[in-house]
C-alpha atoms as a PDB file:
ATOM      1  CA  UNK A   1     -10.481  -5.376  19.766  1.00  0.00           C
ATOM      2  CA  UNK A   2      -6.799  -6.211  20.104  1.00  0.00           C
ATOM      3  CA  UNK A   3      -4.976  -7.826  23.027  1.00  0.00           C
ATOM      4  CA  UNK A   4      -4.137  -4.547  24.770  1.00  0.00           C
ATOM      5  CA  UNK A   5      -7.754  -3.398  24.554  1.00  0.00           C
ATOM      6  CA  UNK A   6      -8.908  -6.758  25.909  1.00  0.00           C
ATOM      7  CA  UNK A   7      -6.565  -6.500  28.893  1.00  0.00           C
ATOM      8  CA  UNK A   8      -7.725  -2.970  29.690  1.00  0.00           C
ATOM      9  CA  UNK A   9     -11.380  -3.997  29.516  1.00  0.00           C
ATOM     10  CA  UNK A  10     -10.832  -7.017  31.748  1.00  0.00           C
ATOM     11  CA  UNK A  11      -8.875  -4.892  34.231  1.00  0.00           C
ATOM     12  CA  UNK A  12     -11.880  -2.552  34.445  1.00  0.00           C
ATOM     13  CA  UNK A  13     -14.006  -5.496  35.595  1.00  0.00           C
ATOM     14  CA  UNK A  14     -15.844  -6.188  32.334  1.00  0.00           C
ATOM     15  CA  UNK A  15     -16.033  -9.864  31.370  1.00  0.00           C
ATOM     16  CA  UNK A  16     -18.072 -10.623  28.262  1.00  0.00           C
ATOM     17  CA  UNK A  17     -20.150 -13.794  27.845  1.00  0.00           C
ATOM     18  CA  UNK A  18     -18.252 -14.973  24.760  1.00  0.00           C
ATOM     19  CA  UNK A  19     -14.999 -14.255  22.933  1.00  0.00           C
ATOM     20  CA  UNK A  20     -13.643 -15.286  19.547  1.00  0.00           C
ATOM     21  CA  UNK A  21      -9.833 -15.220  19.478  1.00  0.00           C
ATOM     22  CA  UNK A  22      -8.896 -15.268  15.828  1.00  0.00           C
ATOM     23  CA  UNK A  23      -5.519 -14.849  14.148  1.00  0.00           C
ATOM     24  CA  UNK A  24      -2.481 -16.824  13.056  1.00  0.00           C
ATOM     25  CA  UNK A  25      -0.254 -15.874  16.000  1.00  0.00           C
ATOM     26  CA  UNK A  26      -0.609 -18.602  18.661  1.00  0.00           C
ATOM     27  CA  UNK A  27       1.252 -16.529  21.261  1.00  0.00           C
ATOM     28  CA  UNK A  28      -1.365 -13.765  21.063  1.00  0.00           C
ATOM     29  CA  UNK A  29      -4.210 -16.288  21.234  1.00  0.00           C
ATOM     30  CA  UNK A  30      -2.650 -17.929  24.284  1.00  0.00           C
ATOM     31  CA  UNK A  31      -2.063 -14.560  25.982  1.00  0.00           C
ATOM     32  CA  UNK A  32      -5.643 -13.491  25.323  1.00  0.00           C
ATOM     33  CA  UNK A  33      -6.972 -16.778  26.691  1.00  0.00           C
ATOM     34  CA  UNK A  34      -4.798 -16.483  29.800  1.00  0.00           C
ATOM     35  CA  UNK A  35      -6.097 -12.956  30.456  1.00  0.00           C
ATOM     36  CA  UNK A  36      -9.724 -14.073  30.055  1.00  0.00           C
ATOM     37  CA  UNK A  37      -9.173 -17.126  32.256  1.00  0.00           C
ATOM     38  CA  UNK A  38      -7.652 -15.027  35.062  1.00  0.00           C
ATOM     39  CA  UNK A  39     -10.532 -12.539  34.933  1.00  0.00           C
ATOM     40  CA  UNK A  40     -13.234 -15.204  34.643  1.00  0.00           C
ATOM     41  CA  UNK A  41     -12.112 -17.747  37.203  1.00  0.00           C
ATOM     42  CA  UNK A  42     -10.245 -15.375  39.515  1.00  0.00           C
ATOM     43  CA  UNK A  43      -8.990 -17.721  42.246  1.00  0.00           C
ATOM     44  CA  UNK A  44     -11.502 -20.498  41.593  1.00  0.00           C
ATOM     45  CA  UNK A  45     -10.325 -24.076  41.052  1.00  0.00           C
ATOM     46  CA  UNK A  46      -9.983 -24.987  37.375  1.00  0.00           C
ATOM     47  CA  UNK A  47     -10.744 -28.665  38.051  1.00  0.00           C
ATOM     48  CA  UNK A  48     -14.456 -27.917  38.357  1.00  0.00           C
ATOM     49  CA  UNK A  49     -14.867 -24.642  36.476  1.00  0.00           C
ATOM     50  CA  UNK A  50     -12.868 -25.068  33.274  1.00  0.00           C
ATOM     51  CA  UNK A  51     -13.821 -27.257  30.313  1.00  0.00           C
ATOM     52  CA  UNK A  52     -11.688 -27.568  27.204  1.00  0.00           C
ATOM     53  CA  UNK A  53     -12.880 -28.831  23.809  1.00  0.00           C
ATOM     54  CA  UNK A  54     -11.205 -29.421  20.454  1.00  0.00           C
ATOM     55  CA  UNK A  55     -13.024 -28.932  17.173  1.00  0.00           C
ATOM     56  CA  UNK A  56     -11.856 -32.386  16.086  1.00  0.00           C
ATOM     57  CA  UNK A  57     -14.001 -34.117  18.723  1.00  0.00           C
ATOM     58  CA  UNK A  58     -16.422 -31.535  20.145  1.00  0.00           C
ATOM     59  CA  UNK A  59     -20.168 -31.491  19.564  1.00  0.00           C
ATOM     60  CA  UNK A  60     -22.502 -28.537  19.857  1.00  0.00           C
ATOM     61  CA  UNK A  61     -24.484 -30.403  22.518  1.00  0.00           C
ATOM     62  CA  UNK A  62     -21.354 -31.051  24.562  1.00  0.00           C
ATOM     63  CA  UNK A  63     -20.335 -27.391  24.510  1.00  0.00           C
ATOM     64  CA  UNK A  64     -23.877 -26.326  25.401  1.00  0.00           C
ATOM     65  CA  UNK A  65     -24.006 -28.735  28.356  1.00  0.00           C
ATOM     66  CA  UNK A  66     -20.660 -27.458  29.671  1.00  0.00           C
ATOM     67  CA  UNK A  67     -21.889 -23.867  29.521  1.00  0.00           C
ATOM     68  CA  UNK A  68     -25.125 -24.799  31.287  1.00  0.00           C
ATOM     69  CA  UNK A  69     -23.327 -26.386  34.241  1.00  0.00           C
ATOM     70  CA  UNK A  70     -23.273 -24.368  37.468  1.00  0.00           C
ATOM     71  CA  UNK A  71     -19.992 -22.893  38.726  1.00  0.00           C
ATOM     72  CA  UNK A  72     -18.487 -24.735  41.702  1.00  0.00           C
ATOM     73  CA  UNK A  73     -17.679 -22.304  44.534  1.00  0.00           C
ATOM     74  CA  UNK A  74     -17.057 -19.560  41.981  1.00  0.00           C
ATOM     75  CA  UNK A  75     -18.851 -16.711  40.229  1.00  0.00           C
ATOM     76  CA  UNK A  76     -18.343 -18.085  36.739  1.00  0.00           C
ATOM     77  CA  UNK A  77     -17.042 -21.046  34.799  1.00  0.00           C
ATOM     78  CA  UNK A  78     -15.022 -21.034  31.570  1.00  0.00           C
ATOM     79  CA  UNK A  79     -15.515 -23.162  28.442  1.00  0.00           C
ATOM     80  CA  UNK A  80     -12.767 -23.137  25.800  1.00  0.00           C
ATOM     81  CA  UNK A  81     -13.210 -24.475  22.256  1.00  0.00           C
ATOM     82  CA  UNK A  82     -10.210 -24.557  19.931  1.00  0.00           C
ATOM     83  CA  UNK A  83     -10.409 -24.746  16.140  1.00  0.00           C
ATOM     84  CA  UNK A  84     -14.179 -25.274  15.696  1.00  0.00           C
ATOM     85  CA  UNK A  85     -13.709 -26.016  11.990  1.00  0.00           C
ATOM     86  CA  UNK A  86     -11.030 -28.613  12.662  1.00  0.00           C
ATOM     87  CA  UNK A  87     -13.110 -31.700  11.864  1.00  0.00           C
ATOM     88  CA  UNK A  88     -14.116 -32.291   8.295  1.00  0.00           C
ATOM     89  CA  UNK A  89     -17.679 -33.348   7.689  1.00  0.00           C
ATOM     90  CA  UNK A  90     -18.990 -32.580  11.178  1.00  0.00           C
ATOM     91  CA  UNK A  91     -17.597 -29.049  11.454  1.00  0.00           C
ATOM     92  CA  UNK A  92     -20.769 -27.450  10.088  1.00  0.00           C
ATOM     93  CA  UNK A  93     -22.907 -29.039  12.784  1.00  0.00           C
ATOM     94  CA  UNK A  94     -20.622 -27.577  15.460  1.00  0.00           C
ATOM     95  CA  UNK A  95     -20.399 -24.115  13.921  1.00  0.00           C
ATOM     96  CA  UNK A  96     -24.146 -24.000  13.299  1.00  0.00           C
ATOM     97  CA  UNK A  97     -24.583 -24.800  16.965  1.00  0.00           C
ATOM     98  CA  UNK A  98     -22.241 -21.946  17.897  1.00  0.00           C
ATOM     99  CA  UNK A  99     -24.246 -19.533  15.757  1.00  0.00           C
ATOM    100  CA  UNK A 100     -27.307 -20.334  17.855  1.00  0.00           C
ATOM    101  CA  UNK A 101     -25.536 -20.628  21.199  1.00  0.00           C
ATOM    102  CA  UNK A 102     -23.469 -17.429  21.323  1.00  0.00           C
ATOM    103  CA  UNK A 103     -26.432 -14.989  21.248  1.00  0.00           C
ATOM    104  CA  UNK A 104     -28.114 -16.986  24.034  1.00  0.00           C
ATOM    105  CA  UNK A 105     -25.150 -16.398  26.351  1.00  0.00           C
ATOM    106  CA  UNK A 106     -25.988 -12.688  26.533  1.00  0.00           C
ATOM    107  CA  UNK A 107     -28.816 -13.518  28.926  1.00  0.00           C
ATOM    108  CA  UNK A 108     -26.676 -15.220  31.569  1.00  0.00           C
ATOM    109  CA  UNK A 109     -23.540 -14.420  33.552  1.00  0.00           C
ATOM    110  CA  UNK A 110     -22.555 -17.793  34.977  1.00  0.00           C
ATOM    111  CA  UNK A 111     -20.398 -19.029  32.085  1.00  0.00           C
ATOM    112  CA  UNK A 112     -17.936 -17.579  29.574  1.00  0.00           C
ATOM    113  CA  UNK A 113     -17.226 -19.158  26.196  1.00  0.00           C
ATOM    114  CA  UNK A 114     -13.887 -18.687  24.440  1.00  0.00           C
ATOM    115  CA  UNK A 115     -13.451 -19.919  20.864  1.00  0.00           C
ATOM    116  CA  UNK A 116      -9.914 -19.827  19.440  1.00  0.00           C
ATOM    117  CA  UNK A 117      -9.068 -20.242  15.759  1.00  0.00           C
ATOM    118  CA  UNK A 118      -6.145 -19.403  13.503  1.00  0.00           C
ATOM    119  CA  UNK A 119      -8.558 -18.443  10.727  1.00  0.00           C
ATOM    120  CA  UNK A 120     -12.261 -17.616  10.575  1.00  0.00           C
ATOM    121  CA  UNK A 121     -14.273 -16.368   7.614  1.00  0.00           C
ATOM    122  CA  UNK A 122     -16.104 -13.192   8.680  1.00  0.00           C
ATOM    123  CA  UNK A 123     -18.934 -14.112   6.328  1.00  0.00           C
ATOM    124  CA  UNK A 124     -19.759 -17.279   8.256  1.00  0.00           C
ATOM    125  CA  UNK A 125     -22.863 -17.152  10.445  1.00  0.00           C
ATOM    126  CA  UNK A 126     -21.069 -18.468  13.521  1.00  0.00           C
ATOM    127  CA  UNK A 127     -18.409 -15.753  13.260  1.00  0.00           C
ATOM    128  CA  UNK A 128     -21.071 -13.050  12.864  1.00  0.00           C
ATOM    129  CA  UNK A 129     -22.650 -14.293  16.108  1.00  0.00           C
ATOM    130  CA  UNK A 130     -19.749 -12.802  18.102  1.00  0.00           C
ATOM    131  CA  UNK A 131     -21.228  -9.318  18.268  1.00  0.00           C
ATOM    132  CA  UNK A 132     -21.821  -7.186  21.349  1.00  0.00           C
ATOM    133  CA  UNK A 133     -21.958  -8.259  24.140  1.00  0.00           C
ATOM    134  CA  UNK A 134     -19.664 -10.966  22.748  1.00  0.00           C
ATOM    135  CA  UNK A 135     -16.405  -9.804  21.163  1.00  0.00           C
ATOM    136  CA  UNK A 136     -13.796 -10.734  18.563  1.00  0.00           C
ATOM    137  CA  UNK A 137     -10.152 -10.385  19.639  1.00  0.00           C
ATOM    138  CA  UNK A 138      -7.698  -9.857  16.783  1.00  0.00           C
ATOM    139  CA  UNK A 139      -4.690 -12.155  17.229  1.00  0.00           C
ATOM    140  CA  UNK A 140      -3.042 -11.574  13.857  1.00  0.00           C
ATOM    141  CA  UNK A 141       0.765 -11.329  14.022  1.00  0.00           C
ATOM    142  CA  UNK A 142       2.274  -7.857  13.665  1.00  0.00           C
ATOM    143  CA  UNK A 143       3.989  -7.229  10.364  1.00  0.00           C
ATOM    144  CA  UNK A 144       7.527  -5.967  10.073  1.00  0.00           C
ATOM    145  CA  UNK A 145       8.043  -2.248  10.593  1.00  0.00           C
ATOM    146  CA  UNK A 146       6.147   0.016  12.954  1.00  0.00           C
ATOM    147  CA  UNK A 147       3.655  -2.572  14.163  1.00  0.00           C
ATOM    148  CA  UNK A 148       6.413  -5.019  15.098  1.00  0.00           C
ATOM    149  CA  UNK A 149       8.416  -2.271  16.791  1.00  0.00           C
ATOM    150  CA  UNK A 150       5.290  -1.291  18.731  1.00  0.00           C
ATOM    151  CA  UNK A 151       4.924  -4.913  19.856  1.00  0.00           C
ATOM    152  CA  UNK A 152       8.546  -4.914  21.081  1.00  0.00           C
ATOM    153  CA  UNK A 153       7.958  -1.765  23.128  1.00  0.00           C
ATOM    154  CA  UNK A 154       4.689  -3.088  24.560  1.00  0.00           C
ATOM    155  CA  UNK A 155       6.214  -6.461  25.432  1.00  0.00           C
ATOM    156  CA  UNK A 156       9.212  -4.790  27.069  1.00  0.00           C
ATOM    157  CA  UNK A 157       6.856  -2.640  29.137  1.00  0.00           C
ATOM    158  CA  UNK A 158       4.859  -5.734  30.131  1.00  0.00           C
ATOM    159  CA  UNK A 159       8.083  -7.383  31.323  1.00  0.00           C
ATOM    160  CA  UNK A 160       9.166  -4.224  33.150  1.00  0.00           C
ATOM    161  CA  UNK A 161      12.157  -3.737  30.846  1.00  0.00           C
ATOM    162  CA  UNK A 162      13.263  -0.204  29.919  1.00  0.00           C
ATOM    163  CA  UNK A 163      14.697   0.191  26.404  1.00  0.00           C
ATOM    164  CA  UNK A 164      16.965   2.974  25.239  1.00  0.00           C
ATOM    165  CA  UNK A 165      16.349   4.664  21.906  1.00  0.00           C
ATOM    166  CA  UNK A 166      16.917   2.378  18.930  1.00  0.00           C
ATOM    167  CA  UNK A 167      16.745  -0.925  20.830  1.00  0.00           C
ATOM    168  CA  UNK A 168      13.164  -1.750  19.830  1.00  0.00           C
ATOM    169  CA  UNK A 169      13.993  -1.130  16.173  1.00  0.00           C
ATOM    170  CA  UNK A 170      17.127  -3.270  16.413  1.00  0.00           C
ATOM    171  CA  UNK A 171      15.274  -6.191  17.987  1.00  0.00           C
ATOM    172  CA  UNK A 172      12.489  -5.942  15.408  1.00  0.00           C
ATOM    173  CA  UNK A 173      15.045  -6.005  12.594  1.00  0.00           C
ATOM    174  CA  UNK A 174      17.177  -8.848  13.971  1.00  0.00           C
ATOM    175  CA  UNK A 175      14.500 -11.170  15.368  1.00  0.00           C
ATOM    176  CA  UNK A 176      11.647 -10.415  12.958  1.00  0.00           C
ATOM    177  CA  UNK A 177       7.983 -11.361  13.542  1.00  0.00           C
ATOM    178  CA  UNK A 178       8.789 -14.380  15.721  1.00  0.00           C
ATOM    179  CA  UNK A 179       6.840 -13.284  18.803  1.00  0.00           C
ATOM    180  CA  UNK A 180       7.748 -16.110  21.164  1.00  0.00           C
ATOM    181  CA  UNK A 181      11.407 -15.730  20.238  1.00  0.00           C
ATOM    182  CA  UNK A 182      11.059 -11.967  20.663  1.00  0.00           C
ATOM    183  CA  UNK A 183       9.625 -12.414  24.152  1.00  0.00           C
ATOM    184  CA  UNK A 184      12.560 -14.631  25.075  1.00  0.00           C
ATOM    185  CA  UNK A 185      15.097 -12.201  23.603  1.00  0.00           C
ATOM    186  CA  UNK A 186      13.689  -9.269  25.582  1.00  0.00           C
ATOM    187  CA  UNK A 187      13.984 -11.264  28.794  1.00  0.00           C
ATOM    188  CA  UNK A 188      17.507 -12.335  27.881  1.00  0.00           C
ATOM    189  CA  UNK A 189      18.737  -8.854  27.000  1.00  0.00           C
ATOM    190  CA  UNK A 190      17.273  -7.533  30.261  1.00  0.00           C
ATOM    191  CA  UNK A 191      19.348 -10.064  32.191  1.00  0.00           C
ATOM    192  CA  UNK A 192      22.423  -8.971  30.273  1.00  0.00           C
ATOM    193  CA  UNK A 193      21.832  -5.310  31.108  1.00  0.00           C
ATOM    194  CA  UNK A 194      21.411  -6.080  34.802  1.00  0.00           C
ATOM    195  CA  UNK A 195      18.645  -5.699  37.332  1.00  0.00           C
ATOM    196  CA  UNK A 196      16.727  -2.475  36.745  1.00  0.00           C
ATOM    197  CA  UNK A 197      19.196  -1.099  34.174  1.00  0.00           C
ATOM    198  CA  UNK A 198      18.119   0.307  30.834  1.00  0.00           C
ATOM    199  CA  UNK A 199      18.782  -1.946  27.870  1.00  0.00           C
ATOM    200  CA  UNK A 200      21.084  -0.256  25.396  1.00  0.00           C
ATOM    201  CA  UNK A 201      21.920  -1.010  21.783  1.00  0.00           C
ATOM    202  CA  UNK A 202      25.194  -2.656  22.830  1.00  0.00           C
ATOM    203  CA  UNK A 203      23.302  -5.056  25.114  1.00  0.00           C
ATOM    204  CA  UNK A 204      20.899  -5.957  22.317  1.00  0.00           C
ATOM    205  CA  UNK A 205      23.731  -6.459  19.824  1.00  0.00           C
ATOM    206  CA  UNK A 206      25.469  -8.826  22.236  1.00  0.00           C
ATOM    207  CA  UNK A 207      22.335 -10.739  23.192  1.00  0.00           C
ATOM    208  CA  UNK A 208      20.253 -11.285  20.087  1.00  0.00           C
ATOM    209  CA  UNK A 209      20.607 -14.828  18.841  1.00  0.00           C
ATOM    210  CA  UNK A 210      21.529 -13.801  15.337  1.00  0.00           C
ATOM    211  CA  UNK A 211      23.132 -16.291  12.982  1.00  0.00           C
ATOM    212  CA  UNK A 212      26.761 -15.750  12.192  1.00  0.00           C
ATOM    213  CA  UNK A 213      27.094 -13.250   9.353  1.00  0.00           C
ATOM    214  CA  UNK A 214      29.220 -15.387   7.027  1.00  0.00           C
ATOM    215  CA  UNK A 215      26.843 -18.402   6.930  1.00  0.00           C
ATOM    216  CA  UNK A 216      23.946 -16.031   6.263  1.00  0.00           C
ATOM    217  CA  UNK A 217      25.802 -14.400   3.382  1.00  0.00           C
ATOM    218  CA  UNK A 218      26.740 -17.810   2.014  1.00  0.00           C
ATOM    219  CA  UNK A 219      23.099 -18.896   2.148  1.00  0.00           C
ATOM    220  CA  UNK A 220      21.681 -15.711   0.627  1.00  0.00           C
ATOM    221  CA  UNK A 221      24.394 -15.723  -2.080  1.00  0.00           C
ATOM    222  CA  UNK A 222      23.444 -19.274  -3.031  1.00  0.00           C
ATOM    223  CA  UNK A 223      19.753 -18.299  -3.057  1.00  0.00           C
ATOM    224  CA  UNK A 224      20.405 -15.179  -5.136  1.00  0.00           C
ATOM    225  CA  UNK A 225      22.542 -17.112  -7.638  1.00  0.00           C
ATOM    226  CA  UNK A 226      19.852 -19.749  -8.048  1.00  0.00           C
ATOM    227  CA  UNK A 227      22.156 -22.477  -6.662  1.00  0.00           C
ATOM    228  CA  UNK A 228      19.368 -24.485  -5.079  1.00  0.00           C
ATOM    229  CA  UNK A 229      21.465 -27.520  -4.143  1.00  0.00           C
ATOM    230  CA  UNK A 230      24.122 -25.368  -2.453  1.00  0.00           C
ATOM    231  CA  UNK A 231      21.456 -23.363  -0.624  1.00  0.00           C
ATOM    232  CA  UNK A 232      19.778 -26.487   0.755  1.00  0.00           C
ATOM    233  CA  UNK A 233      23.147 -27.935   1.763  1.00  0.00           C
ATOM    234  CA  UNK A 234      24.109 -24.722   3.598  1.00  0.00           C
ATOM    235  CA  UNK A 235      20.731 -24.644   5.333  1.00  0.00           C
ATOM    236  CA  UNK A 236      21.197 -28.231   6.477  1.00  0.00           C
ATOM    237  CA  UNK A 237      24.631 -27.462   7.938  1.00  0.00           C
ATOM    238  CA  UNK A 238      23.235 -24.468   9.821  1.00  0.00           C
ATOM    239  CA  UNK A 239      20.400 -26.490  11.328  1.00  0.00           C
ATOM    240  CA  UNK A 240      22.718 -29.398  12.158  1.00  0.00           C
ATOM    241  CA  UNK A 241      25.022 -26.896  13.856  1.00  0.00           C
ATOM    242  CA  UNK A 242      22.232 -25.919  16.238  1.00  0.00           C
ATOM    243  CA  UNK A 243      20.788 -22.825  14.560  1.00  0.00           C
ATOM    244  CA  UNK A 244      17.083 -22.607  15.598  1.00  0.00           C
ATOM    245  CA  UNK A 245      14.643 -22.669  12.691  1.00  0.00           C
ATOM    246  CA  UNK A 246      12.906 -19.417  13.803  1.00  0.00           C
ATOM    247  CA  UNK A 247      16.259 -17.609  13.878  1.00  0.00           C
ATOM    248  CA  UNK A 248      17.131 -18.815  10.361  1.00  0.00           C
ATOM    249  CA  UNK A 249      13.727 -17.652   9.166  1.00  0.00           C
ATOM    250  CA  UNK A 250      14.057 -14.303  10.938  1.00  0.00           C
ATOM    251  CA  UNK A 251      17.463 -13.755   9.346  1.00  0.00           C
ATOM    252  CA  UNK A 252      16.113 -14.504   5.873  1.00  0.00           C
ATOM    253  CA  UNK A 253      13.185 -12.157   6.471  1.00  0.00           C
ATOM    254  CA  UNK A 254      15.499  -9.360   7.631  1.00  0.00           C
ATOM    255  CA  UNK A 255      17.729  -9.909   4.612  1.00  0.00           C
ATOM    256  CA  UNK A 256      14.920  -9.757   2.050  1.00  0.00           C
ATOM    257  CA  UNK A 257      13.369  -6.711   3.752  1.00  0.00           C
ATOM    258  CA  UNK A 258      16.699  -4.939   3.311  1.00  0.00           C
ATOM    259  CA  UNK A 259      16.802  -5.924  -0.379  1.00  0.00           C
ATOM    260  CA  UNK A 260      13.288  -4.572  -0.886  1.00  0.00           C
ATOM    261  CA  UNK A 261      14.183  -1.326   0.870  1.00  0.00           C
ATOM    262  CA  UNK A 262      17.179  -0.852  -1.424  1.00  0.00           C
ATOM    263  CA  UNK A 263      15.241  -1.897  -4.528  1.00  0.00           C
ATOM    264  CA  UNK A 264      12.605   0.759  -3.844  1.00  0.00           C
ATOM    265  CA  UNK A 265      15.097   3.568  -3.306  1.00  0.00           C
ATOM    266  CA  UNK A 266      15.499   3.323   0.441  1.00  0.00           C
ATOM    267  CA  UNK A 267      18.684   3.215   2.486  1.00  0.00           C
ATOM    268  CA  UNK A 268      20.100   0.489   4.689  1.00  0.00           C
ATOM    269  CA  UNK A 269      22.474   1.328   7.541  1.00  0.00           C
ATOM    270  CA  UNK A 270      25.736  -0.586   7.843  1.00  0.00           C
ATOM    271  CA  UNK A 271      29.371  -0.673   6.766  1.00  0.00           C
ATOM    272  CA  UNK A 272      29.960   0.311   3.114  1.00  0.00           C
ATOM    273  CA  UNK A 273      31.028  -3.184   2.056  1.00  0.00           C
ATOM    274  CA  UNK A 274      27.815  -4.650   3.486  1.00  0.00           C
ATOM    275  CA  UNK A 275      25.663  -2.047   1.726  1.00  0.00           C
ATOM    276  CA  UNK A 276      27.477  -2.728  -1.569  1.00  0.00           C
ATOM    277  CA  UNK A 277      26.871  -6.442  -1.225  1.00  0.00           C
ATOM    278  CA  UNK A 278      23.182  -5.905  -0.434  1.00  0.00           C
ATOM    279  CA  UNK A 279      22.820  -3.503  -3.371  1.00  0.00           C
ATOM    280  CA  UNK A 280      24.351  -6.066  -5.712  1.00  0.00           C
ATOM    281  CA  UNK A 281      21.955  -8.750  -4.503  1.00  0.00           C
ATOM    282  CA  UNK A 282      18.957  -6.421  -4.754  1.00  0.00           C
ATOM    283  CA  UNK A 283      19.630  -5.956  -8.489  1.00  0.00           C
ATOM    284  CA  UNK A 284      18.959  -9.660  -9.019  1.00  0.00           C
ATOM    285  CA  UNK A 285      15.355  -9.342  -7.833  1.00  0.00           C
ATOM    286  CA  UNK A 286      12.587  -7.173  -9.335  1.00  0.00           C
ATOM    287  CA  UNK A 287      10.241  -5.641  -6.687  1.00  0.00           C
ATOM    288  CA  UNK A 288       7.462  -8.106  -7.473  1.00  0.00           C
ATOM    289  CA  UNK A 289       9.790 -11.037  -6.936  1.00  0.00           C
ATOM    290  CA  UNK A 290      10.968  -9.610  -3.586  1.00  0.00           C
ATOM    291  CA  UNK A 291       7.373  -9.204  -2.424  1.00  0.00           C
ATOM    292  CA  UNK A 292       6.671 -12.814  -3.405  1.00  0.00           C
ATOM    293  CA  UNK A 293       9.748 -13.933  -1.444  1.00  0.00           C
ATOM    294  CA  UNK A 294       8.616 -12.039   1.661  1.00  0.00           C
ATOM    295  CA  UNK A 295       5.141 -13.553   1.356  1.00  0.00           C
ATOM    296  CA  UNK A 296       6.684 -17.032   1.124  1.00  0.00           C
ATOM    297  CA  UNK A 297       8.737 -16.284   4.252  1.00  0.00           C
ATOM    298  CA  UNK A 298       5.580 -15.136   6.045  1.00  0.00           C
ATOM    299  CA  UNK A 299       3.728 -18.309   5.001  1.00  0.00           C
ATOM    300  CA  UNK A 300       6.602 -20.447   6.294  1.00  0.00           C
ATOM    301  CA  UNK A 301       6.543 -18.505   9.554  1.00  0.00           C
ATOM    302  CA  UNK A 302       2.843 -19.326   9.920  1.00  0.00           C
ATOM    303  CA  UNK A 303       3.503 -23.008   9.174  1.00  0.00           C
ATOM    304  CA  UNK A 304       6.302 -23.214  11.740  1.00  0.00           C
ATOM    305  CA  UNK A 305       4.043 -21.653  14.389  1.00  0.00           C
ATOM    306  CA  UNK A 306       1.555 -24.471  14.142  1.00  0.00           C
ATOM    307  CA  UNK A 307      -0.619 -23.853  11.089  1.00  0.00           C
ATOM    308  CA  UNK A 308       0.924 -26.941   9.459  1.00  0.00           C
ATOM    309  CA  UNK A 309       1.993 -30.383  10.643  1.00  0.00           C
ATOM    310  CA  UNK A 310       5.139 -30.036   8.543  1.00  0.00           C
ATOM    311  CA  UNK A 311       8.413 -30.152  10.477  1.00  0.00           C
ATOM    312  CA  UNK A 312      10.155 -26.736  10.696  1.00  0.00           C
ATOM    313  CA  UNK A 313      13.280 -27.977   8.921  1.00  0.00           C
ATOM    314  CA  UNK A 314      11.189 -29.347   6.037  1.00  0.00           C
ATOM    315  CA  UNK A 315       9.240 -26.081   5.776  1.00  0.00           C
ATOM    316  CA  UNK A 316      12.524 -24.142   5.682  1.00  0.00           C
ATOM    317  CA  UNK A 317      13.977 -26.420   3.019  1.00  0.00           C
ATOM    318  CA  UNK A 318      10.928 -25.881   0.811  1.00  0.00           C
ATOM    319  CA  UNK A 319      11.196 -22.144   1.389  1.00  0.00           C
ATOM    320  CA  UNK A 320      14.864 -22.032   0.421  1.00  0.00           C
ATOM    321  CA  UNK A 321      14.161 -24.035  -2.745  1.00  0.00           C
ATOM    322  CA  UNK A 322      11.409 -21.565  -3.646  1.00  0.00           C
ATOM    323  CA  UNK A 323      13.567 -18.504  -2.958  1.00  0.00           C
ATOM    324  CA  UNK A 324      16.389 -19.901  -5.066  1.00  0.00           C
ATOM    325  CA  UNK A 325      14.143 -21.148  -7.883  1.00  0.00           C
END
């Protein structure tokens, strides 16, 4: 199930004994966990009814003991385990324990187990254990295009923000698949429009934290020309000037998506001089190369969101070197 389906099921009063939240988007994992916690604990105190474990230090016995404890002045208690494969060497002992434990939870209703992981191999026995009445919640990030636009509309609805035609598409194009940044931008553009007013394209244009056009062109020109040193220098000046790493990444993603659209016969809206410049840049990249660039941008996005310990500015520098190479 996805996050929307999870929320609907929880709202109907159904709370499953175990959930696996899997996907590379931490915002979706956190939202899913928050929804499960609210439904599980209701108004109960978390001090006595919530246990949190990390895969780096957890043991199967410790998780089992936490689930066996009785709720304190509540209907249920919640046990959360993050990244069960996080510890090398001992991870198998923990995941083997999960494979045995999850099916056992079907016979009780006093505890709920939530396991959260950025990645999980569906072939693993512990992952297969999350079958009905347990459930797997897909927390993969939406890709660019319709799925990202659908996320914008759903998030705006969740925030009580009404969007005029074309605003969701504009936000998806300008911000890209940076979901936390997207959430913040929707809230910001709603404030700009005013209390209860519909958000129009002009509001979104004024609000979105897009990088200045000239620095972006300078950076993409240096990348397209293969001037690696210039590209890294320009990137450094942008970051030193206060440009957020996710916004730089979103701008690069939007730029390369436009190049791919032109390279495959599509059209890109904009002033004629902008379209001519994009068309010229698109000729420098064969379709396969553009796809590889977009994949590299996606991988950097995942790293920035927590899949790597690398600093965002270092991840961006490596990306720019790869795009220009």
